Amino acid sequence: MTDLELAGAIISLLPEDAQEKLNGTFDRFEASMEQLKPEGPESQTKFCRFMEVCWLTIYNGRYDYCKLQEGSYSQWRNNAEDKLVQLQRKAAVA
C-alpha cells in the first residue's frame, strides 16, 4: 500500500467530523503526492507532514506539534499502519 493509499484509507474510516476537517488538507496532499516520485524523499516528507496534521485532528490537542515533527518517516508509517488497523477493527465491530 502506498503512502497515499494508506492516508486515504485512514481518512475514509475516521468519524465524519474528522473527515470534514481533513478533507481539504487531504485533497492538497493527494494532488502534491501525484506530482512526486513515489517513495522519494519529498513524498516521504509530505506524508510525514500530512500525518502530523492528521494526528492533531484525530487526537485534538493531546499532542504537541513540535514533538510530532520529530518523528521519522518510518515512525509515521508505523503509526499510520497501526491507526489503520485500529480503525478497521472499530469499523468491523460497529
Protein backbone atom coordinates (compact mmCIF):
# COMPACT_ATOMS: atom_id res chain seq x y z
CA MET A 1 0.00 0.00 0.00
CA THR A 2 1.38 3.39 -0.98
CA ASP A 3 1.54 6.31 1.42
CA LEU A 4 -1.31 7.99 -0.43
CA GLU A 5 -3.48 4.86 -0.25
CA LEU A 6 -2.70 4.45 3.44
CA ALA A 7 -3.61 8.05 4.22
CA GLY A 8 -6.81 7.76 2.17
CA ALA A 9 -7.81 4.56 3.95
CA ILE A 10 -7.33 6.22 7.33
CA ILE A 11 -9.35 9.27 6.33
CA SER A 12 -12.18 7.12 4.99
CA LEU A 13 -12.53 5.33 8.35
CA LEU A 14 -12.48 8.40 10.57
CA PRO A 15 -15.65 9.84 12.08
CA GLU A 16 -17.46 12.28 9.84
CA ASP A 17 -16.40 15.40 11.76
CA ALA A 18 -12.71 14.47 11.45
CA GLN A 19 -13.16 13.70 7.75
CA GLU A 20 -14.68 17.13 7.21
CA LYS A 21 -11.79 18.82 9.00
CA LEU A 22 -9.20 16.92 6.94
CA ASN A 23 -10.98 16.96 3.58
CA GLY A 24 -9.24 19.98 2.03
CA THR A 25 -5.90 19.00 3.55
CA PHE A 26 -6.18 15.52 2.07
CA ASP A 27 -7.10 16.93 -1.34
CA ARG A 28 -3.94 19.08 -1.34
CA PHE A 29 -1.86 16.15 -0.07
CA GLU A 30 -3.24 13.89 -2.81
CA ALA A 31 -2.53 16.46 -5.54
CA SER A 32 1.04 17.01 -4.38
CA MET A 33 1.74 13.28 -3.96
CA GLU A 34 0.61 12.63 -7.53
CA GLN A 35 3.28 15.09 -8.71
CA LEU A 36 6.12 13.47 -6.74
CA LYS A 37 8.14 10.33 -7.26
CA PRO A 38 6.68 7.55 -5.07
CA GLU A 39 8.89 6.59 -2.13
CA GLY A 40 11.17 9.56 -2.80
CA PRO A 41 12.40 11.84 -0.03
CA GLU A 42 9.99 14.64 -0.96
CA SER A 43 6.97 12.33 -0.92
CA GLN A 44 8.09 10.87 2.41
CA THR A 45 8.33 14.38 3.87
CA LYS A 46 4.85 15.23 2.54
CA PHE A 47 3.49 12.05 4.10
CA CYS A 48 5.03 12.94 7.48
CA ARG A 49 3.59 16.47 7.36
CA PHE A 50 0.14 15.13 6.44
CA MET A 51 0.22 12.58 9.25
CA GLU A 52 1.20 15.31 11.72
CA VAL A 53 -1.91 17.28 10.75
CA CYS A 54 -3.95 14.10 10.87
CA TRP A 55 -2.76 13.34 14.42
CA LEU A 56 -3.51 16.86 15.56
CA THR A 57 -7.04 16.47 14.21
CA ILE A 58 -7.69 12.93 15.40
CA TYR A 59 -6.29 13.39 18.88
CA ASN A 60 -7.49 17.00 19.29
CA GLY A 61 -4.84 18.61 21.44
CA ARG A 62 -3.27 15.57 23.06
CA TYR A 63 -0.03 16.02 21.15
CA ASP A 64 2.41 18.91 20.90
CA TYR A 65 3.06 19.82 17.25
CA CYS A 66 6.79 20.30 17.90
CA LYS A 67 7.02 16.75 19.26
CA LEU A 68 5.13 15.37 16.27
CA GLN A 69 7.63 16.99 13.91
CA GLU A 70 10.43 14.94 15.46
CA GLY A 71 9.04 11.69 14.05
CA SER A 72 10.87 10.00 11.19
CA TYR A 73 9.22 8.63 8.07
CA SER A 74 9.42 5.05 9.37
CA GLN A 75 7.81 6.09 12.66
CA TRP A 76 4.98 7.85 10.85
CA ARG A 77 4.50 4.92 8.52
CA ASN A 78 4.24 2.55 11.50
CA ASN A 79 1.88 4.93 13.33
CA ALA A 80 -0.31 5.18 10.25
CA GLU A 81 -0.43 1.41 9.73
CA ASP A 82 -1.32 0.89 13.41
CA LYS A 83 -4.05 3.55 13.23
CA LEU A 84 -5.49 1.92 10.11
CA VAL A 85 -5.71 -1.45 11.88
CA GLN A 86 -7.40 0.21 14.89
CA LEU A 87 -9.91 1.97 12.68
CA GLN A 88 -10.62 -1.20 10.68
CA ARG A 89 -11.28 -3.15 13.89
CA LYS A 90 -13.54 -0.39 15.19
CA ALA A 91 -15.46 -0.36 11.90
CA ALA A 92 -15.84 -4.15 11.97
CA VAL A 93 -17.28 -4.07 15.48
CA ALA A 94 -19.74 -1.30 14.63
